[in-house]
PDB file of N, CA and C in Angstrom:
ATOM      1  N   MET A   1      36.019 -20.557 -20.702  1.00  0.00           N
ATOM      2  CA  MET A   1      35.562 -20.568 -19.568  1.00  0.00           C
ATOM      3  C   MET A   1      36.383 -20.084 -18.355  1.00  0.00           C
ATOM      4  N   THR A   2      37.387 -19.880 -18.127  1.00  0.00           N
ATOM      5  CA  THR A   2      38.622 -19.441 -17.489  1.00  0.00           C
ATOM      6  C   THR A   2      37.973 -17.524 -16.951  1.00  0.00           C
ATOM      7  N   SER A   3      38.329 -16.923 -18.952  1.00  0.00           N
ATOM      8  CA  SER A   3      37.870 -15.910 -18.644  1.00  0.00           C
ATOM      9  C   SER A   3      36.780 -14.992 -18.229  1.00  0.00           C
ATOM     10  N   MET A   4      35.444 -16.138 -18.744  1.00  0.00           N
ATOM     11  CA  MET A   4      34.064 -15.903 -17.692  1.00  0.00           C
ATOM     12  C   MET A   4      33.945 -16.267 -16.166  1.00  0.00           C
ATOM     13  N   ILE A   5      35.163 -17.257 -15.490  1.00  0.00           N
ATOM     14  CA  ILE A   5      35.117 -16.681 -14.273  1.00  0.00           C
ATOM     15  C   ILE A   5      35.977 -16.132 -13.583  1.00  0.00           C
ATOM     16  N   LEU A   6      36.833 -15.402 -14.040  1.00  0.00           N
ATOM     17  CA  LEU A   6      37.537 -14.483 -13.631  1.00  0.00           C
ATOM     18  C   LEU A   6      37.069 -12.951 -13.825  1.00  0.00           C
ATOM     19  N   LYS A   7      35.932 -12.564 -14.890  1.00  0.00           N
ATOM     20  CA  LYS A   7      34.877 -11.876 -15.370  1.00  0.00           C
ATOM     21  C   LYS A   7      34.535 -11.805 -14.054  1.00  0.00           C
ATOM     22  N   SER A   8      33.343 -12.742 -13.758  1.00  0.00           N
ATOM     23  CA  SER A   8      32.222 -12.609 -13.076  1.00  0.00           C
ATOM     24  C   SER A   8      32.985 -12.515 -11.380  1.00  0.00           C
ATOM     25  N   LEU A   9      34.426 -12.678 -10.962  1.00  0.00           N
ATOM     26  CA  LEU A   9      34.643 -12.664  -9.990  1.00  0.00           C
ATOM     27  C   LEU A   9      34.724 -11.327  -9.248  1.00  0.00           C
ATOM     28  N   ALA A  10      35.504 -10.817 -10.846  1.00  0.00           N
ATOM     29  CA  ALA A  10      36.036  -9.280 -10.367  1.00  0.00           C
ATOM     30  C   ALA A  10      35.057  -7.903 -10.500  1.00  0.00           C
ATOM     31  N   LEU A  11      33.744  -8.508 -11.313  1.00  0.00           N
ATOM     32  CA  LEU A  11      32.564  -7.870 -11.178  1.00  0.00           C
ATOM     33  C   LEU A  11      32.122  -7.922  -9.322  1.00  0.00           C
ATOM     34  N   ALA A  12      32.043  -9.464  -9.144  1.00  0.00           N
ATOM     35  CA  ALA A  12      31.286  -9.450  -7.446  1.00  0.00           C
ATOM     36  C   ALA A  12      32.622  -8.656  -6.738  1.00  0.00           C
ATOM     37  N   THR A  13      33.809  -8.965  -6.137  1.00  0.00           N
ATOM     38  CA  THR A  13      34.520  -8.062  -5.741  1.00  0.00           C
ATOM     39  C   THR A  13      34.492  -6.852  -5.911  1.00  0.00           C
ATOM     40  N   VAL A  14      33.579  -6.047  -7.164  1.00  0.00           N
ATOM     41  CA  VAL A  14      33.741  -4.316  -7.113  1.00  0.00           C
ATOM     42  C   VAL A  14      32.447  -4.549  -6.852  1.00  0.00           C
ATOM     43  N   LEU A  15      31.565  -4.983  -6.833  1.00  0.00           N
ATOM     44  CA  LEU A  15      30.341  -4.642  -6.227  1.00  0.00           C
ATOM     45  C   LEU A  15      30.041  -4.996  -5.090  1.00  0.00           C
ATOM     46  N   VAL A  16      30.902  -6.262  -4.078  1.00  0.00           N
ATOM     47  CA  VAL A  16      30.916  -6.245  -2.548  1.00  0.00           C
ATOM     48  C   VAL A  16      31.509  -5.081  -1.950  1.00  0.00           C
ATOM     49  N   ALA A  17      32.628  -4.570  -2.604  1.00  0.00           N
ATOM     50  CA  ALA A  17      33.524  -3.146  -2.007  1.00  0.00           C
ATOM     51  C   ALA A  17      32.803  -1.766  -2.522  1.00  0.00           C
ATOM     52  N   SER A  18      32.004  -1.858  -3.094  1.00  0.00           N
ATOM     53  CA  SER A  18      31.184  -0.320  -3.293  1.00  0.00           C
ATOM     54  C   SER A  18      29.728  -0.654  -2.702  1.00  0.00           C
ATOM     55  N   ALA A  19      29.476  -1.598  -1.488  1.00  0.00           N
ATOM     56  CA  ALA A  19      28.122  -2.163  -1.090  1.00  0.00           C
ATOM     57  C   ALA A  19      28.270  -0.578   0.172  1.00  0.00           C
ATOM     58  N   PRO A  20      29.238  -0.294   1.113  1.00  0.00           N
ATOM     59  CA  PRO A  20      29.048  -0.209   2.186  1.00  0.00           C
ATOM     60  C   PRO A  20      28.988   1.938   1.513  1.00  0.00           C
ATOM     61  N   ALA A  21      29.543   2.180   0.196  1.00  0.00           N
ATOM     62  CA  ALA A  21      29.636   3.939  -0.153  1.00  0.00           C
ATOM     63  C   ALA A  21      27.902   3.756  -0.073  1.00  0.00           C
ATOM     64  N   PHE A  22      27.197   2.928  -0.572  1.00  0.00           N
ATOM     65  CA  PHE A  22      25.715   2.822  -0.675  1.00  0.00           C
ATOM     66  C   PHE A  22      24.617   3.153   0.759  1.00  0.00           C
ATOM     67  N   ALA A  23      25.755   2.489   1.451  1.00  0.00           N
ATOM     68  CA  ALA A  23      24.644   2.378   2.985  1.00  0.00           C
ATOM     69  C   ALA A  23      25.581   4.220   3.768  1.00  0.00           C
ATOM     70  N   ALA A  24      26.067   4.398   3.471  1.00  0.00           N
ATOM     71  CA  ALA A  24      26.890   5.689   4.084  1.00  0.00           C
ATOM     72  C   ALA A  24      25.488   7.381   4.290  1.00  0.00           C
ATOM     73  N   PRO A  25      25.257   7.759   4.677  1.00  0.00           N
ATOM     74  CA  PRO A  25      23.877   8.719   4.620  1.00  0.00           C
ATOM     75  C   PRO A  25      24.386   9.953   4.163  1.00  0.00           C
ATOM     76  N   SER A  26      23.273  10.805   3.797  1.00  0.00           N
ATOM     77  CA  SER A  26      22.898  10.991   2.431  1.00  0.00           C
ATOM     78  C   SER A  26      23.355  12.851   2.512  1.00  0.00           C
ATOM     79  N   ASP A  27      23.553  12.797   4.453  1.00  0.00           N
ATOM     80  CA  ASP A  27      24.193  13.818   4.657  1.00  0.00           C
ATOM     81  C   ASP A  27      25.246  14.095   5.822  1.00  0.00           C
ATOM     82  N   PRO A  28      26.636  13.503   5.430  1.00  0.00           N
ATOM     83  CA  PRO A  28      27.353  13.447   6.577  1.00  0.00           C
ATOM     84  C   PRO A  28      27.341  15.029   7.883  1.00  0.00           C
ATOM     85  N   GLN A  29      26.953  15.578   7.188  1.00  0.00           N
ATOM     86  CA  GLN A  29      27.301  17.196   8.108  1.00  0.00           C
ATOM     87  C   GLN A  29      26.026  17.909   8.134  1.00  0.00           C
ATOM     88  N   GLN A  30      25.198  16.085   9.436  1.00  0.00           N
ATOM     89  CA  GLN A  30      24.139  16.862   9.869  1.00  0.00           C
ATOM     90  C   GLN A  30      24.746  17.542  10.886  1.00  0.00           C
ATOM     91  N   LYS A  31      23.576  18.665  11.741  1.00  0.00           N
ATOM     92  CA  LYS A  31      23.642  19.017  12.440  1.00  0.00           C
ATOM     93  C   LYS A  31      23.057  19.281  13.350  1.00  0.00           C
ATOM     94  N   THR A  32      22.409  19.324  14.626  1.00  0.00           N
ATOM     95  CA  THR A  32      21.750  20.149  15.909  1.00  0.00           C
ATOM     96  C   THR A  32      21.246  21.018  15.226  1.00  0.00           C
ATOM     97  N   VAL A  33      19.682  20.957  15.646  1.00  0.00           N
ATOM     98  CA  VAL A  33      18.624  22.041  14.721  1.00  0.00           C
ATOM     99  C   VAL A  33      17.648  22.522  15.765  1.00  0.00           C
ATOM    100  N   LEU A  34      17.561  23.444  15.808  1.00  0.00           N
ATOM    101  CA  LEU A  34      16.173  24.263  17.278  1.00  0.00           C
ATOM    102  C   LEU A  34      15.401  24.927  16.875  1.00  0.00           C
ATOM    103  N   LYS A  35      14.423  24.881  16.589  1.00  0.00           N
ATOM    104  CA  LYS A  35      13.377  25.735  16.697  1.00  0.00           C
ATOM    105  C   LYS A  35      12.247  26.362  17.624  1.00  0.00           C
ATOM    106  N   TYR A  36      11.502  26.875  17.030  1.00  0.00           N
ATOM    107  CA  TYR A  36      10.096  27.273  18.545  1.00  0.00           C
ATOM    108  C   TYR A  36       9.135  26.864  17.148  1.00  0.00           C
ATOM    109  N   GLU A  37       7.938  26.892  17.773  1.00  0.00           N
ATOM    110  CA  GLU A  37       7.221  25.998  17.366  1.00  0.00           C
ATOM    111  C   GLU A  37       5.775  26.867  17.959  1.00  0.00           C
ATOM    112  N   ALA A  38       5.637  27.839  16.725  1.00  0.00           N
ATOM    113  CA  ALA A  38       4.902  28.867  18.135  1.00  0.00           C
ATOM    114  C   ALA A  38       3.533  27.984  18.405  1.00  0.00           C
ATOM    115  N   LYS A  39       2.449  27.532  17.638  1.00  0.00           N
ATOM    116  CA  LYS A  39       1.566  26.936  17.871  1.00  0.00           C
ATOM    117  C   LYS A  39       1.386  26.275  19.283  1.00  0.00           C
ATOM    118  N   THR A  40       2.603  24.773  19.494  1.00  0.00           N
ATOM    119  CA  THR A  40       2.051  24.627  20.729  1.00  0.00           C
ATOM    120  C   THR A  40       3.370  25.129  21.793  1.00  0.00           C
ATOM    121  N   GLY A  41       3.954  26.049  21.658  1.00  0.00           N
ATOM    122  CA  GLY A  41       4.911  27.201  22.810  1.00  0.00           C
ATOM    123  C   GLY A  41       5.818  26.417  23.014  1.00  0.00           C
ATOM    124  N   GLN A  42       6.287  25.843  22.040  1.00  0.00           N
ATOM    125  CA  GLN A  42       7.984  24.253  21.936  1.00  0.00           C
ATOM    126  C   GLN A  42       8.777  24.614  21.311  1.00  0.00           C
ATOM    127  N   TYR A  43       9.931  24.361  22.152  1.00  0.00           N
ATOM    128  CA  TYR A  43      11.034  24.231  21.490  1.00  0.00           C
ATOM    129  C   TYR A  43      11.565  23.351  21.049  1.00  0.00           C
ATOM    130  N   CYS A  44      11.669  22.900  20.036  1.00  0.00           N
ATOM    131  CA  CYS A  44      12.096  21.670  19.254  1.00  0.00           C
ATOM    132  C   CYS A  44      13.744  21.592  19.127  1.00  0.00           C
ATOM    133  N   LEU A  45      14.352  19.892  19.205  1.00  0.00           N
ATOM    134  CA  LEU A  45      15.125  20.030  19.380  1.00  0.00           C
ATOM    135  C   LEU A  45      15.667  19.144  18.551  1.00  0.00           C
ATOM    136  N   THR A  46      16.226  18.809  17.396  1.00  0.00           N
ATOM    137  CA  THR A  46      15.940  17.510  16.151  1.00  0.00           C
ATOM    138  C   THR A  46      17.567  17.420  16.322  1.00  0.00           C
ATOM    139  N   GLU A  47      17.991  16.184  16.797  1.00  0.00           N
ATOM    140  CA  GLU A  47      19.930  15.572  16.778  1.00  0.00           C
ATOM    141  C   GLU A  47      19.816  14.878  15.662  1.00  0.00           C
ATOM    142  N   PRO A  48      21.251  14.746  15.001  1.00  0.00           N
ATOM    143  CA  PRO A  48      21.110  14.017  13.487  1.00  0.00           C
ATOM    144  C   PRO A  48      21.510  12.534  14.628  1.00  0.00           C
ATOM    145  N   ALA A  49      21.117  11.876  13.318  1.00  0.00           N
ATOM    146  CA  ALA A  49      20.726  10.296  13.778  1.00  0.00           C
ATOM    147  C   ALA A  49      21.623   9.616  14.247  1.00  0.00           C
ATOM    148  N   MET A  50      22.309   9.138  15.102  1.00  0.00           N
ATOM    149  CA  MET A  50      23.067   8.400  15.659  1.00  0.00           C
ATOM    150  C   MET A  50      23.516   7.322  14.397  1.00  0.00           C
ATOM    151  N   THR A  51      25.270   6.005  14.955  1.00  0.00           N
ATOM    152  CA  THR A  51      25.528   5.505  14.559  1.00  0.00           C
ATOM    153  C   THR A  51      24.192   3.767  14.708  1.00  0.00           C
ATOM    154  N   GLY A  52      23.555   3.397  12.984  1.00  0.00           N
ATOM    155  CA  GLY A  52      23.154   2.258  13.605  1.00  0.00           C
ATOM    156  C   GLY A  52      21.406   2.802  13.025  1.00  0.00           C
ATOM    157  N   THR A  53      21.103   3.308  13.125  1.00  0.00           N
ATOM    158  CA  THR A  53      19.997   4.599  11.987  1.00  0.00           C
ATOM    159  C   THR A  53      20.314   6.047  11.433  1.00  0.00           C
ATOM    160  N   ARG A  54      18.610   5.218  10.979  1.00  0.00           N
ATOM    161  CA  ARG A  54      19.146   7.012  10.158  1.00  0.00           C
ATOM    162  C   ARG A  54      17.994   7.929  10.274  1.00  0.00           C
ATOM    163  N   ILE A  55      17.283   7.300  11.613  1.00  0.00           N
ATOM    164  CA  ILE A  55      16.411   8.031  11.356  1.00  0.00           C
ATOM    165  C   ILE A  55      16.926   9.583  12.710  1.00  0.00           C
ATOM    166  N   ASN A  56      16.501  10.504  12.833  1.00  0.00           N
ATOM    167  CA  ASN A  56      16.925  11.709  13.929  1.00  0.00           C
ATOM    168  C   ASN A  56      15.748  11.428  15.096  1.00  0.00           C
ATOM    169  N   ARG A  57      16.059  12.196  16.352  1.00  0.00           N
ATOM    170  CA  ARG A  57      15.704  12.443  16.918  1.00  0.00           C
ATOM    171  C   ARG A  57      15.225  13.856  17.460  1.00  0.00           C
ATOM    172  N   LYS A  58      13.743  13.612  17.764  1.00  0.00           N
ATOM    173  CA  LYS A  58      13.335  15.163  17.737  1.00  0.00           C
ATOM    174  C   LYS A  58      12.915  14.954  19.512  1.00  0.00           C
ATOM    175  N   THR A  59      12.914  16.109  20.508  1.00  0.00           N
ATOM    176  CA  THR A  59      12.584  16.125  21.693  1.00  0.00           C
ATOM    177  C   THR A  59      11.905  17.556  21.867  1.00  0.00           C
ATOM    178  N   CYS A  60      10.691  17.727  21.914  1.00  0.00           N
ATOM    179  CA  CYS A  60       9.709  18.969  21.833  1.00  0.00           C
ATOM    180  C   CYS A  60       9.593  19.323  23.831  1.00  0.00           C
ATOM    181  N   ARG A  61      10.026  20.241  24.184  1.00  0.00           N
ATOM    182  CA  ARG A  61       9.561  20.816  25.304  1.00  0.00           C
ATOM    183  C   ARG A  61       9.050  22.269  25.550  1.00  0.00           C
ATOM    184  N   THR A  62       8.803  22.893  26.496  1.00  0.00           N
ATOM    185  CA  THR A  62       8.368  23.984  26.995  1.00  0.00           C
ATOM    186  C   THR A  62       9.416  24.094  27.495  1.00  0.00           C
ATOM    187  N   SER A  63       9.903  26.162  27.273  1.00  0.00           N
ATOM    188  CA  SER A  63      10.847  26.827  28.012  1.00  0.00           C
ATOM    189  C   SER A  63      10.971  26.489  29.035  1.00  0.00           C
ATOM    190  N   ALA A  64      10.046  25.789  30.096  1.00  0.00           N
ATOM    191  CA  ALA A  64      10.203  26.083  31.838  1.00  0.00           C
ATOM    192  C   ALA A  64      10.579  24.782  31.770  1.00  0.00           C
ATOM    193  N   GLN A  65      10.255  23.708  30.647  1.00  0.00           N
ATOM    194  CA  GLN A  65      10.957  21.936  30.683  1.00  0.00           C
ATOM    195  C   GLN A  65      11.986  22.461  30.859  1.00  0.00           C
ATOM    196  N   TRP A  66      12.525  22.525  29.740  1.00  0.00           N
ATOM    197  CA  TRP A  66      14.698  23.092  28.871  1.00  0.00           C
ATOM    198  C   TRP A  66      14.221  23.722  30.642  1.00  0.00           C
ATOM    199  N   SER A  67      14.532  24.661  31.058  1.00  0.00           N
ATOM    200  CA  SER A  67      14.930  25.398  31.966  1.00  0.00           C
ATOM    201  C   SER A  67      15.776  23.566  33.447  1.00  0.00           C
ATOM    202  N   GLU A  68      14.550  22.980  33.244  1.00  0.00           N
ATOM    203  CA  GLU A  68      14.770  22.279  34.222  1.00  0.00           C
ATOM    204  C   GLU A  68      15.563  21.043  33.833  1.00  0.00           C
ATOM    205  N   ALA A  69      15.876  20.894  32.788  1.00  0.00           N
ATOM    206  CA  ALA A  69      17.056  19.860  32.852  1.00  0.00           C
ATOM    207  C   ALA A  69      18.213  20.915  32.759  1.00  0.00           C
ATOM    208  N   GLY A  70      18.018  21.802  32.957  1.00  0.00           N
ATOM    209  CA  GLY A  70      19.373  23.023  32.669  1.00  0.00           C
ATOM    210  C   GLY A  70      20.185  23.536  31.384  1.00  0.00           C
ATOM    211  N   LEU A  71      18.855  24.135  30.128  1.00  0.00           N
ATOM    212  CA  LEU A  71      19.176  24.623  28.884  1.00  0.00           C
ATOM    213  C   LEU A  71      18.126  25.671  29.020  1.00  0.00           C
ATOM    214  N   ASN A  72      19.182  26.867  28.472  1.00  0.00           N
ATOM    215  CA  ASN A  72      17.978  28.171  28.841  1.00  0.00           C
ATOM    216  C   ASN A  72      17.876  28.347  27.548  1.00  0.00           C
ATOM    217  N   MET A  73      16.383  28.166  27.025  1.00  0.00           N
ATOM    218  CA  MET A  73      16.606  28.888  25.629  1.00  0.00           C
ATOM    219  C   MET A  73      16.079  30.398  25.303  1.00  0.00           C
ATOM    220  N   PRO A  74      16.395  30.530  24.287  1.00  0.00           N
ATOM    221  CA  PRO A  74      16.856  31.936  23.366  1.00  0.00           C
ATOM    222  C   PRO A  74      15.294  32.214  23.712  1.00  0.00           C
ATOM    223  N   LYS A  75      15.045  33.382  23.885  1.00  0.00           N
ATOM    224  CA  LYS A  75      13.208  33.826  23.440  1.00  0.00           C
ATOM    225  C   LYS A  75      13.365  33.339  21.317  1.00  0.00           C
ATOM    226  N   PRO A  76      12.303  32.690  21.385  1.00  0.00           N
ATOM    227  CA  PRO A  76      11.295  32.533  20.349  1.00  0.00           C
ATOM    228  C   PRO A  76      11.881  34.397  19.386  1.00  0.00           C
ATOM    229  N   THR A  77      11.908  35.688  19.515  1.00  0.00           N
ATOM    230  CA  THR A  77      11.933  36.382  18.830  1.00  0.00           C
ATOM    231  C   THR A  77      14.106  36.250  17.993  1.00  0.00           C
ATOM    232  N   GLU A  78      14.370  35.409  18.843  1.00  0.00           N
ATOM    233  CA  GLU A  78      16.144  35.650  18.833  1.00  0.00           C
ATOM    234  C   GLU A  78      16.431  34.645  17.359  1.00  0.00           C
ATOM    235  N   LEU A  79      15.302  33.181  17.697  1.00  0.00           N
ATOM    236  CA  LEU A  79      15.831  31.664  16.492  1.00  0.00           C
ATOM    237  C   LEU A  79      15.148  32.623  15.322  1.00  0.00           C
ATOM    238  N   ALA A  80      13.841  33.393  15.823  1.00  0.00           N
ATOM    239  CA  ALA A  80      13.228  33.967  14.199  1.00  0.00           C
ATOM    240  C   ALA A  80      14.378  35.084  13.167  1.00  0.00           C
ATOM    241  N   GLN A  81      15.609  35.477  14.376  1.00  0.00           N
ATOM    242  CA  GLN A  81      16.393  36.519  13.679  1.00  0.00           C
ATOM    243  C   GLN A  81      17.604  35.583  13.235  1.00  0.00           C
ATOM    244  N   LYS A  82      18.200  34.775  13.196  1.00  0.00           N
ATOM    245  CA  LYS A  82      19.150  33.448  13.152  1.00  0.00           C
ATOM    246  C   LYS A  82      18.659  32.736  11.331  1.00  0.00           C
TER     247      LYS A  82
END
């Protein structure tokens, strides 16, 4: 009986200790990505998810709107060459 309790306790400890590993993001090397969408004429910036969420943040603006925010966007042909 004591052996069964010890085995159950050991199994529970292993399961609890390994739980954070399953919660880790699938891609720890997430990067910020910039894409030009020709249909809308907008540059979309996709930022990796912040701590506490798995949802990436995507912001789409025109070149003029990004310039107002202080960013100079590359020309669409420069993005296509990368």
